[in-house]
PDB file of N, CA and C in Angstrom:
ATOM      1  N   MET A   1      76.536-121.371  30.916  1.00  0.00           N
ATOM      2  CA  MET A   1      75.742-121.012  30.340  1.00  0.00           C
ATOM      3  C   MET A   1      75.064-120.461  30.636  1.00  0.00           C
ATOM      4  N   ALA A   2      74.476-120.384  31.940  1.00  0.00           N
ATOM      5  CA  ALA A   2      73.830-119.104  32.824  1.00  0.00           C
ATOM      6  C   ALA A   2      74.287-117.878  32.674  1.00  0.00           C
ATOM      7  N   SER A   3      75.776-118.189  33.056  1.00  0.00           N
ATOM      8  CA  SER A   3      76.391-116.745  32.536  1.00  0.00           C
ATOM      9  C   SER A   3      76.279-116.169  31.332  1.00  0.00           C
ATOM     10  N   PHE A   4      76.609-117.080  30.316  1.00  0.00           N
ATOM     11  CA  PHE A   4      76.331-116.252  28.855  1.00  0.00           C
ATOM     12  C   PHE A   4      74.859-115.701  28.520  1.00  0.00           C
ATOM     13  N   ALA A   5      73.814-116.227  29.444  1.00  0.00           N
ATOM     14  CA  ALA A   5      72.518-115.997  28.957  1.00  0.00           C
ATOM     15  C   ALA A   5      72.394-114.228  29.696  1.00  0.00           C
ATOM     16  N   MET A   6      73.069-114.507  31.029  1.00  0.00           N
ATOM     17  CA  MET A   6      72.767-113.540  31.893  1.00  0.00           C
ATOM     18  C   MET A   6      73.675-112.245  31.280  1.00  0.00           C
ATOM     19  N   VAL A   7      74.982-112.598  30.626  1.00  0.00           N
ATOM     20  CA  VAL A   7      75.656-111.348  29.954  1.00  0.00           C
ATOM     21  C   VAL A   7      74.530-111.070  28.885  1.00  0.00           C
ATOM     22  N   CYS A   8      74.114-111.869  28.170  1.00  0.00           N
ATOM     23  CA  CYS A   8      73.280-111.279  27.085  1.00  0.00           C
ATOM     24  C   CYS A   8      72.232-110.365  27.707  1.00  0.00           C
ATOM     25  N   PHE A   9      71.257-111.034  28.397  1.00  0.00           N
ATOM     26  CA  PHE A   9      70.303-110.116  29.640  1.00  0.00           C
ATOM     27  C   PHE A   9      70.969-108.652  29.581  1.00  0.00           C
ATOM     28  N   LEU A  10      71.746-108.559  29.968  1.00  0.00           N
ATOM     29  CA  LEU A  10      72.313-107.222  30.372  1.00  0.00           C
ATOM     30  C   LEU A  10      72.989-106.567  29.334  1.00  0.00           C
ATOM     31  N   LEU A  11      73.529-107.318  28.725  1.00  0.00           N
ATOM     32  CA  LEU A  11      73.646-106.303  27.058  1.00  0.00           C
ATOM     33  C   LEU A  11      72.389-106.041  26.530  1.00  0.00           C
ATOM     34  N   VAL A  12      71.269-106.758  26.515  1.00  0.00           N
ATOM     35  CA  VAL A  12      70.042-105.955  25.520  1.00  0.00           C
ATOM     36  C   VAL A  12      69.582-105.118  26.590  1.00  0.00           C
ATOM     37  N   ILE A  13      69.653-105.376  27.951  1.00  0.00           N
ATOM     38  CA  ILE A  13      69.209-104.137  28.975  1.00  0.00           C
ATOM     39  C   ILE A  13      69.922-102.544  28.723  1.00  0.00           C
ATOM     40  N   TYR A  14      71.375-102.900  28.480  1.00  0.00           N
ATOM     41  CA  TYR A  14      71.964-101.794  28.183  1.00  0.00           C
ATOM     42  C   TYR A  14      71.849-101.209  27.370  1.00  0.00           C
ATOM     43  N   ALA A  15      71.314-101.888  25.930  1.00  0.00           N
ATOM     44  CA  ALA A  15      71.060-100.960  24.770  1.00  0.00           C
ATOM     45  C   ALA A  15      69.572-100.482  24.927  1.00  0.00           C
ATOM     46  N   LEU A  16      68.389-100.913  25.385  1.00  0.00           N
ATOM     47  CA  LEU A  16      67.829-100.393  25.765  1.00  0.00           C
ATOM     48  C   LEU A  16      67.377 -98.947  26.669  1.00  0.00           C
ATOM     49  N   LEU A  17      68.647 -99.011  27.762  1.00  0.00           N
ATOM     50  CA  LEU A  17      68.925 -97.759  28.434  1.00  0.00           C
ATOM     51  C   LEU A  17      69.644 -97.085  27.523  1.00  0.00           C
ATOM     52  N   VAL A  18      70.977 -97.282  26.686  1.00  0.00           N
ATOM     53  CA  VAL A  18      70.977 -95.820  25.918  1.00  0.00           C
ATOM     54  C   VAL A  18      70.103 -95.548  24.935  1.00  0.00           C
ATOM     55  N   ASN A  19      69.334 -96.339  24.473  1.00  0.00           N
ATOM     56  CA  ASN A  19      68.742 -95.940  23.230  1.00  0.00           C
ATOM     57  C   ASN A  19      67.642 -94.550  24.338  1.00  0.00           C
ATOM     58  N   GLU A  20      67.077 -95.445  25.378  1.00  0.00           N
ATOM     59  CA  GLU A  20      66.172 -94.366  26.165  1.00  0.00           C
ATOM     60  C   GLU A  20      66.788 -93.287  26.182  1.00  0.00           C
ATOM     61  N   LEU A  21      67.719 -93.168  26.853  1.00  0.00           N
ATOM     62  CA  LEU A  21      68.887 -91.917  27.496  1.00  0.00           C
ATOM     63  C   LEU A  21      69.302 -90.897  25.803  1.00  0.00           C
ATOM     64  N   THR A  22      69.204 -91.356  24.747  1.00  0.00           N
ATOM     65  CA  THR A  22      69.375 -90.848  23.584  1.00  0.00           C
ATOM     66  C   THR A  22      68.374 -90.249  23.245  1.00  0.00           C
ATOM     67  N   GLY A  23      67.121 -90.627  22.953  1.00  0.00           N
ATOM     68  CA  GLY A  23      65.721 -90.498  22.983  1.00  0.00           C
ATOM     69  C   GLY A  23      65.682 -89.009  24.075  1.00  0.00           C
ATOM     70  N   GLY A  24      65.458 -89.071  25.255  1.00  0.00           N
ATOM     71  CA  GLY A  24      65.716 -88.298  26.219  1.00  0.00           C
ATOM     72  C   GLY A  24      66.640 -86.995  25.513  1.00  0.00           C
ATOM     73  N   THR A  25      68.171 -87.228  25.263  1.00  0.00           N
ATOM     74  CA  THR A  25      68.880 -85.930  24.799  1.00  0.00           C
ATOM     75  C   THR A  25      68.340 -85.310  23.949  1.00  0.00           C
ATOM     76  N   TYR A  26      67.521 -85.989  22.755  1.00  0.00           N
ATOM     77  CA  TYR A  26      67.056 -85.576  21.603  1.00  0.00           C
ATOM     78  C   TYR A  26      66.062 -84.452  21.533  1.00  0.00           C
ATOM     79  N   LEU A  27      64.825 -85.354  22.561  1.00  0.00           N
ATOM     80  CA  LEU A  27      63.931 -84.446  23.349  1.00  0.00           C
ATOM     81  C   LEU A  27      64.247 -82.602  23.924  1.00  0.00           C
ATOM     82  N   VAL A  28      64.980 -82.723  24.643  1.00  0.00           N
ATOM     83  CA  VAL A  28      65.594 -81.723  25.509  1.00  0.00           C
ATOM     84  C   VAL A  28      66.384 -80.899  24.129  1.00  0.00           C
ATOM     85  N   LYS A  29      66.913 -81.302  23.660  1.00  0.00           N
ATOM     86  CA  LYS A  29      67.527 -80.420  22.704  1.00  0.00           C
ATOM     87  C   LYS A  29      66.366 -79.223  21.943  1.00  0.00           C
ATOM     88  N   SER A  30      65.533 -80.281  21.382  1.00  0.00           N
ATOM     89  CA  SER A  30      64.497 -80.162  20.469  1.00  0.00           C
ATOM     90  C   SER A  30      63.757 -79.024  21.111  1.00  0.00           C
ATOM     91  N   TYR A  31      63.260 -79.193  22.694  1.00  0.00           N
ATOM     92  CA  TYR A  31      62.547 -78.327  23.367  1.00  0.00           C
ATOM     93  C   TYR A  31      63.425 -77.020  24.014  1.00  0.00           C
ATOM     94  N   GLU A  32      64.823 -77.386  23.646  1.00  0.00           N
ATOM     95  CA  GLU A  32      65.973 -76.178  24.283  1.00  0.00           C
ATOM     96  C   GLU A  32      65.563 -74.718  22.592  1.00  0.00           C
ATOM     97  N   LYS A  33      65.803 -75.802  21.597  1.00  0.00           N
ATOM     98  CA  LYS A  33      65.553 -74.835  19.959  1.00  0.00           C
ATOM     99  C   LYS A  33      64.275 -74.108  20.222  1.00  0.00           C
ATOM    100  N   GLN A  34      63.246 -75.000  20.586  1.00  0.00           N
ATOM    101  CA  GLN A  34      61.826 -74.300  20.810  1.00  0.00           C
ATOM    102  C   GLN A  34      61.624 -72.765  22.116  1.00  0.00           C
ATOM    103  N   ILE A  35      62.391 -73.265  23.019  1.00  0.00           N
ATOM    104  CA  ILE A  35      62.753 -72.109  23.982  1.00  0.00           C
ATOM    105  C   ILE A  35      62.985 -70.701  23.235  1.00  0.00           C
ATOM    106  N   LYS A  36      64.204 -70.859  22.595  1.00  0.00           N
ATOM    107  CA  LYS A  36      65.073 -69.900  22.263  1.00  0.00           C
ATOM    108  C   LYS A  36      64.238 -69.420  20.883  1.00  0.00           C
ATOM    109  N   SER A  37      63.799 -69.856  20.327  1.00  0.00           N
ATOM    110  CA  SER A  37      62.689 -69.701  19.193  1.00  0.00           C
ATOM    111  C   SER A  37      61.539 -68.391  19.618  1.00  0.00           C
ATOM    112  N   LEU A  38      61.162 -68.977  20.626  1.00  0.00           N
ATOM    113  CA  LEU A  38      59.908 -68.298  21.308  1.00  0.00           C
ATOM    114  C   LEU A  38      60.596 -67.306  22.051  1.00  0.00           C
ATOM    115  N   SER A  39      62.024 -67.355  22.675  1.00  0.00           N
ATOM    116  CA  SER A  39      62.165 -66.248  23.298  1.00  0.00           C
ATOM    117  C   SER A  39      62.642 -65.200  22.297  1.00  0.00           C
ATOM    118  N   GLN A  40      62.908 -65.125  21.100  1.00  0.00           N
ATOM    119  CA  GLN A  40      63.615 -64.365  20.147  1.00  0.00           C
ATOM    120  C   GLN A  40      62.046 -63.622  19.926  1.00  0.00           C
ATOM    121  N   GLU A  41      60.990 -64.730  19.283  1.00  0.00           N
ATOM    122  CA  GLU A  41      60.065 -64.100  19.327  1.00  0.00           C
ATOM    123  C   GLU A  41      59.262 -63.175  19.987  1.00  0.00           C
ATOM    124  N   THR A  42      59.243 -63.685  21.459  1.00  0.00           N
ATOM    125  CA  THR A  42      58.914 -62.505  22.351  1.00  0.00           C
ATOM    126  C   THR A  42      59.778 -61.267  22.670  1.00  0.00           C
ATOM    127  N   ARG A  43      60.785 -61.062  22.174  1.00  0.00           N
ATOM    128  CA  ARG A  43      61.724 -60.086  22.497  1.00  0.00           C
ATOM    129  C   ARG A  43      61.271 -59.082  21.402  1.00  0.00           C
ATOM    130  N   SER A  44      60.996 -60.018  20.089  1.00  0.00           N
ATOM    131  CA  SER A  44      60.420 -58.991  18.739  1.00  0.00           C
ATOM    132  C   SER A  44      59.435 -58.585  19.228  1.00  0.00           C
ATOM    133  N   LEU A  45      58.648 -59.176  19.944  1.00  0.00           N
ATOM    134  CA  LEU A  45      56.883 -58.822  20.024  1.00  0.00           C
ATOM    135  C   LEU A  45      57.311 -57.668  21.204  1.00  0.00           C
ATOM    136  N   GLU A  46      58.301 -57.421  22.100  1.00  0.00           N
ATOM    137  CA  GLU A  46      58.041 -56.568  22.780  1.00  0.00           C
ATOM    138  C   GLU A  46      58.404 -55.709  22.166  1.00  0.00           C
ATOM    139  N   VAL A  47      59.643 -55.300  21.409  1.00  0.00           N
ATOM    140  CA  VAL A  47      59.947 -54.317  20.852  1.00  0.00           C
ATOM    141  C   VAL A  47      58.925 -53.585  20.054  1.00  0.00           C
ATOM    142  N   SER A  48      58.268 -54.152  19.081  1.00  0.00           N
ATOM    143  CA  SER A  48      57.233 -53.988  18.133  1.00  0.00           C
ATOM    144  C   SER A  48      56.097 -53.247  19.163  1.00  0.00           C
ATOM    145  N   PHE A  49      55.616 -53.924  20.443  1.00  0.00           N
ATOM    146  CA  PHE A  49      54.722 -53.097  21.111  1.00  0.00           C
ATOM    147  C   PHE A  49      55.204 -51.967  21.923  1.00  0.00           C
ATOM    148  N   ALA A  50      56.482 -51.828  21.943  1.00  0.00           N
ATOM    149  CA  ALA A  50      56.970 -50.410  22.465  1.00  0.00           C
ATOM    150  C   ALA A  50      56.987 -49.694  21.477  1.00  0.00           C
ATOM    151  N   GLU A  51      57.624 -50.112  20.420  1.00  0.00           N
ATOM    152  CA  GLU A  51      57.725 -48.734  19.202  1.00  0.00           C
ATOM    153  C   GLU A  51      56.319 -48.372  18.592  1.00  0.00           C
ATOM    154  N   THR A  52      54.986 -49.285  18.936  1.00  0.00           N
ATOM    155  CA  THR A  52      54.046 -49.017  18.460  1.00  0.00           C
ATOM    156  C   THR A  52      53.115 -48.069  19.297  1.00  0.00           C
ATOM    157  N   GLY A  53      53.395 -48.166  21.064  1.00  0.00           N
ATOM    158  CA  GLY A  53      53.058 -47.285  21.789  1.00  0.00           C
ATOM    159  C   GLY A  53      53.715 -46.028  21.644  1.00  0.00           C
ATOM    160  N   PHE A  54      54.608 -45.788  21.580  1.00  0.00           N
ATOM    161  CA  PHE A  54      55.603 -44.599  21.266  1.00  0.00           C
ATOM    162  C   PHE A  54      54.865 -43.653  20.104  1.00  0.00           C
ATOM    163  N   LEU A  55      54.601 -44.496  18.988  1.00  0.00           N
ATOM    164  CA  LEU A  55      54.372 -43.962  17.928  1.00  0.00           C
ATOM    165  C   LEU A  55      53.249 -43.697  17.907  1.00  0.00           C
ATOM    166  N   GLU A  56      52.243 -44.442  18.564  1.00  0.00           N
ATOM    167  CA  GLU A  56      50.776 -43.409  18.908  1.00  0.00           C
ATOM    168  C   GLU A  56      51.008 -42.485  19.847  1.00  0.00           C
ATOM    169  N   GLN A  57      51.956 -42.275  21.024  1.00  0.00           N
ATOM    170  CA  GLN A  57      51.859 -41.249  21.591  1.00  0.00           C
ATOM    171  C   GLN A  57      52.593 -39.779  20.990  1.00  0.00           C
ATOM    172  N   VAL A  58      53.708 -40.252  20.012  1.00  0.00           N
ATOM    173  CA  VAL A  58      54.098 -39.407  19.184  1.00  0.00           C
ATOM    174  C   VAL A  58      52.578 -38.178  18.492  1.00  0.00           C
ATOM    175  N   GLN A  59      52.026 -39.523  17.188  1.00  0.00           N
ATOM    176  CA  GLN A  59      50.653 -39.141  16.694  1.00  0.00           C
ATOM    177  C   GLN A  59      49.971 -37.926  17.698  1.00  0.00           C
ATOM    178  N   GLN A  60      49.780 -38.759  18.553  1.00  0.00           N
ATOM    179  CA  GLN A  60      48.356 -37.956  19.666  1.00  0.00           C
ATOM    180  C   GLN A  60      49.083 -36.674  20.093  1.00  0.00           C
ATOM    181  N   LYS A  61      50.415 -36.747  20.033  1.00  0.00           N
ATOM    182  CA  LYS A  61      51.140 -35.061  20.513  1.00  0.00           C
ATOM    183  C   LYS A  61      50.844 -34.202  19.515  1.00  0.00           C
ATOM    184  N   ALA A  62      51.341 -34.645  18.739  1.00  0.00           N
ATOM    185  CA  ALA A  62      51.204 -33.960  17.259  1.00  0.00           C
ATOM    186  C   ALA A  62      49.689 -33.499  16.900  1.00  0.00           C
ATOM    187  N   LYS A  63      48.929 -34.334  16.966  1.00  0.00           N
ATOM    188  CA  LYS A  63      47.318 -33.963  16.840  1.00  0.00           C
ATOM    189  C   LYS A  63      46.871 -32.704  18.234  1.00  0.00           C
ATOM    190  N   ASP A  64      47.757 -32.900  19.167  1.00  0.00           N
ATOM    191  CA  ASP A  64      46.879 -31.715  20.274  1.00  0.00           C
ATOM    192  C   ASP A  64      48.066 -30.941  19.934  1.00  0.00           C
ATOM    193  N   LEU A  65      49.112 -30.687  19.150  1.00  0.00           N
ATOM    194  CA  LEU A  65      50.006 -29.220  19.158  1.00  0.00           C
ATOM    195  C   LEU A  65      49.248 -28.912  17.854  1.00  0.00           C
ATOM    196  N   SER A  66      48.240 -29.645  17.108  1.00  0.00           N
ATOM    197  CA  SER A  66      47.824 -28.870  15.774  1.00  0.00           C
ATOM    198  C   SER A  66      48.914 -29.064  14.629  1.00  0.00           C
ATOM    199  N   PHE A  67      49.946 -29.956  14.391  1.00  0.00           N
ATOM    200  CA  PHE A  67      51.042 -30.107  13.757  1.00  0.00           C
ATOM    201  C   PHE A  67      49.747 -30.663  12.449  1.00  0.00           C
ATOM    202  N   GLU A  68      50.584 -29.863  11.269  1.00  0.00           N
ATOM    203  CA  GLU A  68      49.919 -30.380  10.018  1.00  0.00           C
ATOM    204  C   GLU A  68      51.282 -30.935   9.144  1.00  0.00           C
ATOM    205  N   LYS A  69      50.442 -32.058   8.205  1.00  0.00           N
ATOM    206  CA  LYS A  69      51.753 -32.743   7.272  1.00  0.00           C
ATOM    207  C   LYS A  69      51.908 -31.515   5.919  1.00  0.00           C
ATOM    208  N   THR A  70      53.409 -31.499   5.886  1.00  0.00           N
ATOM    209  CA  THR A  70      53.799 -30.257   5.137  1.00  0.00           C
ATOM    210  C   THR A  70      53.383 -30.449   3.523  1.00  0.00           C
ATOM    211  N   THR A  71      53.227 -29.528   2.749  1.00  0.00           N
ATOM    212  CA  THR A  71      53.004 -29.930   1.215  1.00  0.00           C
ATOM    213  C   THR A  71      53.780 -29.313   0.548  1.00  0.00           C
ATOM    214  N   SER A  72      54.623 -28.184   1.135  1.00  0.00           N
ATOM    215  CA  SER A  72      56.083 -27.747  -0.051  1.00  0.00           C
ATOM    216  C   SER A  72      56.725 -27.153   0.835  1.00  0.00           C
ATOM    217  N   VAL A  73      58.158 -27.169   0.354  1.00  0.00           N
ATOM    218  CA  VAL A  73      59.272 -26.434   1.095  1.00  0.00           C
ATOM    219  C   VAL A  73      59.723 -25.929   0.453  1.00  0.00           C
ATOM    220  N   LYS A  74      59.815 -24.643   1.336  1.00  0.00           N
ATOM    221  CA  LYS A  74      60.570 -23.042   0.848  1.00  0.00           C
ATOM    222  C   LYS A  74      62.126 -22.930   2.115  1.00  0.00           C
ATOM    223  N   TYR A  75      62.714 -22.592   1.032  1.00  0.00           N
ATOM    224  CA  TYR A  75      64.183 -22.561   1.525  1.00  0.00           C
ATOM    225  C   TYR A  75      64.565 -21.218   1.615  1.00  0.00           C
ATOM    226  N   ILE A  76      65.086 -20.704   2.633  1.00  0.00           N
ATOM    227  CA  ILE A  76      65.812 -19.302   2.936  1.00  0.00           C
ATOM    228  C   ILE A  76      66.706 -19.377   2.862  1.00  0.00           C
ATOM    229  N   GLN A  77      67.087 -18.347   1.725  1.00  0.00           N
ATOM    230  CA  GLN A  77      68.717 -18.133   0.844  1.00  0.00           C
ATOM    231  C   GLN A  77      69.344 -17.086   1.798  1.00  0.00           C
ATOM    232  N   VAL A  78      70.430 -17.597   2.099  1.00  0.00           N
ATOM    233  CA  VAL A  78      71.332 -16.700   3.483  1.00  0.00           C
ATOM    234  C   VAL A  78      72.338 -16.087   2.120  1.00  0.00           C
ATOM    235  N   LEU A  79      72.544 -14.948   2.365  1.00  0.00           N
ATOM    236  CA  LEU A  79      73.276 -13.704   1.741  1.00  0.00           C
ATOM    237  C   LEU A  79      74.338 -13.942   2.042  1.00  0.00           C
ATOM    238  N   ASP A  80      75.323 -13.690   1.342  1.00  0.00           N
ATOM    239  CA  ASP A  80      76.824 -13.658   1.542  1.00  0.00           C
ATOM    240  C   ASP A  80      77.294 -12.847   2.589  1.00  0.00           C
ATOM    241  N   THR A  81      76.872 -11.675   2.660  1.00  0.00           N
ATOM    242  CA  THR A  81      77.374 -10.490   3.824  1.00  0.00           C
ATOM    243  C   THR A  81      76.471 -10.891   5.102  1.00  0.00           C
ATOM    244  N   SER A  82      75.776 -12.091   4.892  1.00  0.00           N
ATOM    245  CA  SER A  82      75.438 -12.177   6.591  1.00  0.00           C
ATOM    246  C   SER A  82      75.968 -12.598   7.575  1.00  0.00           C
ATOM    247  N   LEU A  83      75.622 -12.587   8.750  1.00  0.00           N
ATOM    248  CA  LEU A  83      76.591 -12.636   9.904  1.00  0.00           C
ATOM    249  C   LEU A  83      76.366 -14.559   9.971  1.00  0.00           C
ATOM    250  N   ALA A  84      75.391 -15.635   9.441  1.00  0.00           N
ATOM    251  CA  ALA A  84      75.980 -16.545   9.630  1.00  0.00           C
ATOM    252  C   ALA A  84      76.588 -17.110   8.624  1.00  0.00           C
ATOM    253  N   LYS A  85      77.345 -16.358   7.887  1.00  0.00           N
ATOM    254  CA  LYS A  85      78.811 -17.384   7.059  1.00  0.00           C
ATOM    255  C   LYS A  85      79.589 -16.576   6.906  1.00  0.00           C
ATOM    256  N   ALA A  86      80.065 -15.491   8.168  1.00  0.00           N
ATOM    257  CA  ALA A  86      81.158 -14.704   8.583  1.00  0.00           C
ATOM    258  C   ALA A  86      81.735 -15.583   8.971  1.00  0.00           C
ATOM    259  N   LYS A  87      83.132 -15.651   8.873  1.00  0.00           N
ATOM    260  CA  LYS A  87      84.216 -16.432   9.639  1.00  0.00           C
ATOM    261  C   LYS A  87      84.871 -15.648  10.355  1.00  0.00           C
TER     262      LYS A  87
END
């Protein structure tokens, strides 16, 4: 009778330990998903920051060189006898 009680006690302890292990595994997977999501967000923010910095540098350089936005486009007509079309 004592051995039966001991086996039941050990089975209960085993079930509790397996439950604890399963819960820990679930938490680890959940944290890994969060880490992956945050890593992707960090990469996205780094790229955005780099592009923003580059764009600001280009805009500042355009101002320094006194560039202006075009209002109209005029095309140069190339004549048939020009050297550019000669083969």
